[in-house]
Every structure is written in C-alpha cells, then in structure tokens.
Amino acid sequence: MGDAGRPTSRRERLPAELERDVLTAARRLIATEGIEVLSLSAVAREVGVTPSALYRYFEGKPGLTLAVYEAVTRDFVPITAEAAGAAELEEFGGQLYAATRAVLDWSVANPGEFDLLMGAGYARLARLRELRRPGAGPGTSGGLLSRGVEVKRVACADGVD
C-alpha cells in the first residue's frame, strides 16, 4: 500500500517487482552454479529483460552482488538469532551451540550463499569494489555488514559487550 492507505500504482509496483525478481534469480544462480556465474547478463536472461535495464537498479556486478549479499544476510541473521533464542537464556554455551549449529545447517543447505557471506565469495566481492567507508579498516564497523543490515549487540553476563 502507498501513502494514506492507497494501493501503490502500477508504476510504483513494477520496479519493486523487478528488483525482487532479479534478487530471486541471482540467488538461484548462486545456489545452483556458484557466485562466479553471477552477472547482470545471466540474471537479465533469467528475468526476461535486457542487461542494460538492470543498470537502473544496480551499479553493475558489484552493486548486484552487494544487493544479494544484503538480502541473504537479512534472511540468515534471524535464523541464527532464533536458534540462539530457543536455547536456555542463562546458558551462554547452549546459545552459542544452537547458533553455530544453525549456521552449520544453513551453510550445508545453502553452499552458494554461504560462499557469498563467509567463504571465498566474500573475498571476491570485496575485490570487485571497495565497499568499506573511507577510513574503515580491519576491526572497524565499516565493512559490508554495516550497510543495510541491522546488527544487534548483546550484553554478556559480565557486563562486557
């Protein structure tokens, strides 16, 4: 729905639908063939548009890859958080085990997306385009995860977070 409860116009819906379809197709390509095959041309073929049409939505392959990275992360973080939350709240070891087990299960079920988030695909993405903010270096919060993905800090029992 648009402003004031009105349905969005077709003109407003079409770009959002195309972007959703592009991200779905890109994730499918990564899942079936790996991140190496991801390109604007391959995704455009999947969704039935010209590659040049996608440049209106993404800044080339790096922009498309970053958009996929952010979409995968938005889906992945709640899976891990839910698993950790299901463990005994007082037992940090149980929460850690549940979260890491969820990561393992997810990575086995989604090897292409795991490669993008935590494997060699992440390094390839970083080489495609410098995505950190100016001045951000190792150990700072200026990396890929700081863009468009909410990361919640959790205080430990000893008060250090």
C-alpha atoms as a PDB file:
ATOM      1  CA  MET A   1       0.000   0.000   0.000  1.00  0.00           C
ATOM      2  CA  GLY A   2       1.127   3.509  -0.769  1.00  0.00           C
ATOM      3  CA  ASP A   3       0.718   6.674   1.266  1.00  0.00           C
ATOM      4  CA  ALA A   4      -2.602   7.172   3.063  1.00  0.00           C
ATOM      5  CA  GLY A   5      -3.566   3.520   2.613  1.00  0.00           C
ATOM      6  CA  ARG A   6      -3.959   3.740  -1.169  1.00  0.00           C
ATOM      7  CA  PRO A   7      -2.683   0.839  -3.253  1.00  0.00           C
ATOM      8  CA  THR A   8       0.586   1.640  -4.982  1.00  0.00           C
ATOM      9  CA  SER A   9       0.330   2.425  -8.635  1.00  0.00           C
ATOM     10  CA  ARG A  10       1.496   0.050 -11.327  1.00  0.00           C
ATOM     11  CA  ARG A  11       4.356   2.461 -11.998  1.00  0.00           C
ATOM     12  CA  GLU A  12       5.454   2.135  -8.346  1.00  0.00           C
ATOM     13  CA  ARG A  13       4.953  -1.642  -8.201  1.00  0.00           C
ATOM     14  CA  LEU A  14       6.874  -2.612 -11.335  1.00  0.00           C
ATOM     15  CA  PRO A  15      10.354  -1.507 -10.201  1.00  0.00           C
ATOM     16  CA  ALA A  16       9.892  -3.211  -6.823  1.00  0.00           C
ATOM     17  CA  GLU A  17       8.692  -6.402  -8.537  1.00  0.00           C
ATOM     18  CA  LEU A  18      11.616  -6.351 -10.957  1.00  0.00           C
ATOM     19  CA  GLU A  19      14.108  -5.828  -8.146  1.00  0.00           C
ATOM     20  CA  ARG A  20      12.555  -8.721  -6.191  1.00  0.00           C
ATOM     21  CA  ASP A  21      12.631 -10.961  -9.278  1.00  0.00           C
ATOM     22  CA  VAL A  22      16.249 -10.007 -10.001  1.00  0.00           C
ATOM     23  CA  LEU A  23      17.364 -10.825  -6.456  1.00  0.00           C
ATOM     24  CA  THR A  24      15.474 -14.128  -6.559  1.00  0.00           C
ATOM     25  CA  ALA A  25      17.085 -15.055  -9.894  1.00  0.00           C
ATOM     26  CA  ALA A  26      20.536 -14.009  -8.685  1.00  0.00           C
ATOM     27  CA  ARG A  27      20.193 -16.108  -5.526  1.00  0.00           C
ATOM     28  CA  ARG A  28      19.030 -19.062  -7.609  1.00  0.00           C
ATOM     29  CA  LEU A  29      22.078 -18.721  -9.890  1.00  0.00           C
ATOM     30  CA  ILE A  30      24.427 -18.539  -6.914  1.00  0.00           C
ATOM     31  CA  ALA A  31      22.752 -21.546  -5.312  1.00  0.00           C
ATOM     32  CA  THR A  32      22.907 -23.713  -8.431  1.00  0.00           C
ATOM     33  CA  GLU A  33      26.075 -22.572 -10.188  1.00  0.00           C
ATOM     34  CA  GLY A  34      28.100 -20.524  -7.707  1.00  0.00           C
ATOM     35  CA  ILE A  35      28.942 -16.872  -7.384  1.00  0.00           C
ATOM     36  CA  GLU A  36      31.337 -16.987 -10.340  1.00  0.00           C
ATOM     37  CA  VAL A  37      28.443 -17.156 -12.827  1.00  0.00           C
ATOM     38  CA  LEU A  38      26.622 -14.182 -11.346  1.00  0.00           C
ATOM     39  CA  SER A  39      26.434 -11.385 -13.903  1.00  0.00           C
ATOM     40  CA  LEU A  40      23.923  -8.802 -14.986  1.00  0.00           C
ATOM     41  CA  SER A  41      23.584 -10.637 -18.310  1.00  0.00           C
ATOM     42  CA  ALA A  42      22.841 -14.005 -16.698  1.00  0.00           C
ATOM     43  CA  VAL A  43      20.291 -12.506 -14.310  1.00  0.00           C
ATOM     44  CA  ALA A  44      18.691 -10.425 -17.079  1.00  0.00           C
ATOM     45  CA  ARG A  45      18.201 -13.604 -19.133  1.00  0.00           C
ATOM     46  CA  GLU A  46      16.537 -15.269 -16.154  1.00  0.00           C
ATOM     47  CA  VAL A  47      14.042 -12.444 -15.629  1.00  0.00           C
ATOM     48  CA  GLY A  48      13.474 -11.600 -19.291  1.00  0.00           C
ATOM     49  CA  VAL A  49      14.929  -8.097 -19.522  1.00  0.00           C
ATOM     50  CA  THR A  50      17.993  -6.595 -21.147  1.00  0.00           C
ATOM     51  CA  PRO A  51      21.174  -6.277 -19.068  1.00  0.00           C
ATOM     52  CA  SER A  52      21.121  -2.505 -19.580  1.00  0.00           C
ATOM     53  CA  ALA A  53      17.724  -2.342 -17.824  1.00  0.00           C
ATOM     54  CA  LEU A  54      19.329  -3.646 -14.640  1.00  0.00           C
ATOM     55  CA  TYR A  55      21.806  -0.760 -14.507  1.00  0.00           C
ATOM     56  CA  ARG A  56      18.891   1.439 -13.416  1.00  0.00           C
ATOM     57  CA  TYR A  57      18.697  -0.609 -10.218  1.00  0.00           C
ATOM     58  CA  PHE A  58      22.233  -1.848  -9.564  1.00  0.00           C
ATOM     59  CA  GLU A  59      25.706  -0.355 -10.028  1.00  0.00           C
ATOM     60  CA  GLY A  60      26.984  -3.172 -12.218  1.00  0.00           C
ATOM     61  CA  LYS A  61      28.001  -6.577 -10.920  1.00  0.00           C
ATOM     62  CA  PRO A  62      29.376  -5.191  -7.642  1.00  0.00           C
ATOM     63  CA  GLY A  63      26.045  -3.469  -6.902  1.00  0.00           C
ATOM     64  CA  LEU A  64      24.047  -6.577  -7.771  1.00  0.00           C
ATOM     65  CA  THR A  65      26.335  -8.763  -5.673  1.00  0.00           C
ATOM     66  CA  LEU A  66      26.064  -6.397  -2.715  1.00  0.00           C
ATOM     67  CA  ALA A  67      22.258  -6.363  -3.013  1.00  0.00           C
ATOM     68  CA  VAL A  68      22.243 -10.182  -2.984  1.00  0.00           C
ATOM     69  CA  TYR A  69      24.654 -10.182  -0.028  1.00  0.00           C
ATOM     70  CA  GLU A  70      22.347  -7.874   1.917  1.00  0.00           C
ATOM     71  CA  ALA A  71      19.243  -9.935   1.047  1.00  0.00           C
ATOM     72  CA  VAL A  72      20.925 -13.188   2.095  1.00  0.00           C
ATOM     73  CA  THR A  73      22.125 -11.578   5.328  1.00  0.00           C
ATOM     74  CA  ARG A  74      18.627 -10.276   6.122  1.00  0.00           C
ATOM     75  CA  ASP A  75      17.335 -13.854   5.766  1.00  0.00           C
ATOM     76  CA  PHE A  76      20.271 -15.513   7.545  1.00  0.00           C
ATOM     77  CA  VAL A  77      20.559 -13.389  10.721  1.00  0.00           C
ATOM     78  CA  PRO A  78      17.057 -14.222  12.050  1.00  0.00           C
ATOM     79  CA  ILE A  79      17.693 -17.954  11.561  1.00  0.00           C
ATOM     80  CA  THR A  80      20.735 -17.780  13.797  1.00  0.00           C
ATOM     81  CA  ALA A  81      19.087 -15.458  16.308  1.00  0.00           C
ATOM     82  CA  GLU A  82      16.036 -17.703  16.554  1.00  0.00           C
ATOM     83  CA  ALA A  83      18.183 -20.757  17.203  1.00  0.00           C
ATOM     84  CA  ALA A  84      20.149 -18.953  19.915  1.00  0.00           C
ATOM     85  CA  GLY A  85      16.951 -17.630  21.469  1.00  0.00           C
ATOM     86  CA  ALA A  86      15.481 -21.129  21.697  1.00  0.00           C
ATOM     87  CA  ALA A  87      18.334 -22.243  23.972  1.00  0.00           C
ATOM     88  CA  GLU A  88      18.299 -21.709  27.714  1.00  0.00           C
ATOM     89  CA  LEU A  89      18.712 -17.979  28.280  1.00  0.00           C
ATOM     90  CA  GLU A  90      21.020 -18.396  31.275  1.00  0.00           C
ATOM     91  CA  GLU A  91      23.333 -20.805  29.483  1.00  0.00           C
ATOM     92  CA  PHE A  92      25.593 -18.947  27.071  1.00  0.00           C
ATOM     93  CA  GLY A  93      27.199 -22.208  25.923  1.00  0.00           C
ATOM     94  CA  GLY A  94      23.789 -23.559  24.901  1.00  0.00           C
ATOM     95  CA  GLN A  95      23.015 -20.392  22.970  1.00  0.00           C
ATOM     96  CA  LEU A  96      26.390 -20.466  21.250  1.00  0.00           C
ATOM     97  CA  TYR A  97      25.994 -24.133  20.324  1.00  0.00           C
ATOM     98  CA  ALA A  98      22.467 -23.548  18.980  1.00  0.00           C
ATOM     99  CA  ALA A  99      23.585 -20.541  16.931  1.00  0.00           C
ATOM    100  CA  THR A 100      26.647 -22.253  15.463  1.00  0.00           C
ATOM    101  CA  ARG A 101      24.629 -25.386  14.716  1.00  0.00           C
ATOM    102  CA  ALA A 102      22.090 -23.226  12.886  1.00  0.00           C
ATOM    103  CA  VAL A 103      24.946 -21.668  10.879  1.00  0.00           C
ATOM    104  CA  LEU A 104      26.292 -25.121  10.017  1.00  0.00           C
ATOM    105  CA  ASP A 105      22.887 -26.470   8.989  1.00  0.00           C
ATOM    106  CA  TRP A 106      22.171 -23.356   6.916  1.00  0.00           C
ATOM    107  CA  SER A 107      25.591 -23.432   5.233  1.00  0.00           C
ATOM    108  CA  VAL A 108      25.195 -27.084   4.231  1.00  0.00           C
ATOM    109  CA  ALA A 109      21.733 -26.360   2.825  1.00  0.00           C
ATOM    110  CA  ASN A 110      22.875 -23.144   1.073  1.00  0.00           C
ATOM    111  CA  PRO A 111      26.504 -23.597  -0.057  1.00  0.00           C
ATOM    112  CA  GLY A 112      26.422 -20.869  -2.721  1.00  0.00           C
ATOM    113  CA  GLU A 113      25.018 -18.272  -0.357  1.00  0.00           C
ATOM    114  CA  PHE A 114      27.390 -19.410   2.407  1.00  0.00           C
ATOM    115  CA  ASP A 115      30.270 -18.815  -0.027  1.00  0.00           C
ATOM    116  CA  LEU A 116      28.991 -15.285  -0.593  1.00  0.00           C
ATOM    117  CA  LEU A 117      28.569 -14.482   3.124  1.00  0.00           C
ATOM    118  CA  MET A 118      31.523 -16.222   4.704  1.00  0.00           C
ATOM    119  CA  GLY A 119      33.568 -18.097   2.149  1.00  0.00           C
ATOM    120  CA  ALA A 120      35.833 -17.147  -0.718  1.00  0.00           C
ATOM    121  CA  GLY A 121      32.902 -15.385  -2.416  1.00  0.00           C
ATOM    122  CA  TYR A 122      33.065 -12.681   0.239  1.00  0.00           C
ATOM    123  CA  ALA A 123      36.716 -12.009  -0.597  1.00  0.00           C
ATOM    124  CA  ARG A 124      35.910 -11.920  -4.315  1.00  0.00           C
ATOM    125  CA  LEU A 125      33.117  -9.447  -3.624  1.00  0.00           C
ATOM    126  CA  ALA A 126      35.460  -7.210  -1.647  1.00  0.00           C
ATOM    127  CA  ARG A 127      37.925  -7.228  -4.540  1.00  0.00           C
ATOM    128  CA  LEU A 128      35.197  -6.295  -7.030  1.00  0.00           C
ATOM    129  CA  ARG A 129      34.656  -2.998  -5.336  1.00  0.00           C
ATOM    130  CA  GLU A 130      35.880  -1.306  -2.215  1.00  0.00           C
ATOM    131  CA  LEU A 131      32.713  -1.295  -0.164  1.00  0.00           C
ATOM    132  CA  ARG A 132      34.031  -0.012   3.122  1.00  0.00           C
ATOM    133  CA  ARG A 133      33.539   3.560   4.186  1.00  0.00           C
ATOM    134  CA  PRO A 134      36.551   5.872   3.978  1.00  0.00           C
ATOM    135  CA  GLY A 135      38.813   5.310   6.961  1.00  0.00           C
ATOM    136  CA  ALA A 136      37.350   1.940   7.772  1.00  0.00           C
ATOM    137  CA  GLY A 137      39.893  -0.770   8.207  1.00  0.00           C
ATOM    138  CA  PRO A 138      40.187  -4.204   9.737  1.00  0.00           C
ATOM    139  CA  GLY A 139      38.348  -4.433  13.014  1.00  0.00           C
ATOM    140  CA  THR A 140      36.128  -1.402  12.395  1.00  0.00           C
ATOM    141  CA  SER A 141      32.430  -1.377  11.699  1.00  0.00           C
ATOM    142  CA  GLY A 142      32.834  -0.065   8.151  1.00  0.00           C
ATOM    143  CA  GLY A 143      32.679  -3.369   6.321  1.00  0.00           C
ATOM    144  CA  LEU A 144      29.932  -4.929   4.276  1.00  0.00           C
ATOM    145  CA  LEU A 145      27.816  -5.898   7.253  1.00  0.00           C
ATOM    146  CA  SER A 146      27.430  -2.265   8.246  1.00  0.00           C
ATOM    147  CA  ARG A 147      25.461  -1.499   5.049  1.00  0.00           C
ATOM    148  CA  GLY A 148      21.713  -2.014   5.319  1.00  0.00           C
ATOM    149  CA  VAL A 149      21.861  -4.853   7.823  1.00  0.00           C
ATOM    150  CA  GLU A 150      20.842  -4.323  11.408  1.00  0.00           C
ATOM    151  CA  VAL A 151      23.299  -5.934  13.800  1.00  0.00           C
ATOM    152  CA  LYS A 152      22.175  -6.032  17.418  1.00  0.00           C
ATOM    153  CA  ARG A 153      24.719  -6.007  20.228  1.00  0.00           C
ATOM    154  CA  VAL A 154      24.004  -8.349  23.087  1.00  0.00           C
ATOM    155  CA  ALA A 155      25.403  -7.695  26.540  1.00  0.00           C
ATOM    156  CA  CYS A 156      27.237 -10.605  28.120  1.00  0.00           C
ATOM    157  CA  ALA A 157      26.557 -11.716  31.664  1.00  0.00           C
ATOM    158  CA  ASP A 158      29.679  -9.942  32.962  1.00  0.00           C
ATOM    159  CA  GLY A 159      28.502  -6.638  31.503  1.00  0.00           C
ATOM    160  CA  VAL A 160      31.041  -6.540  28.671  1.00  0.00           C
ATOM    161  CA  ASP A 161      29.611  -6.411  25.193  1.00  0.00           C
END
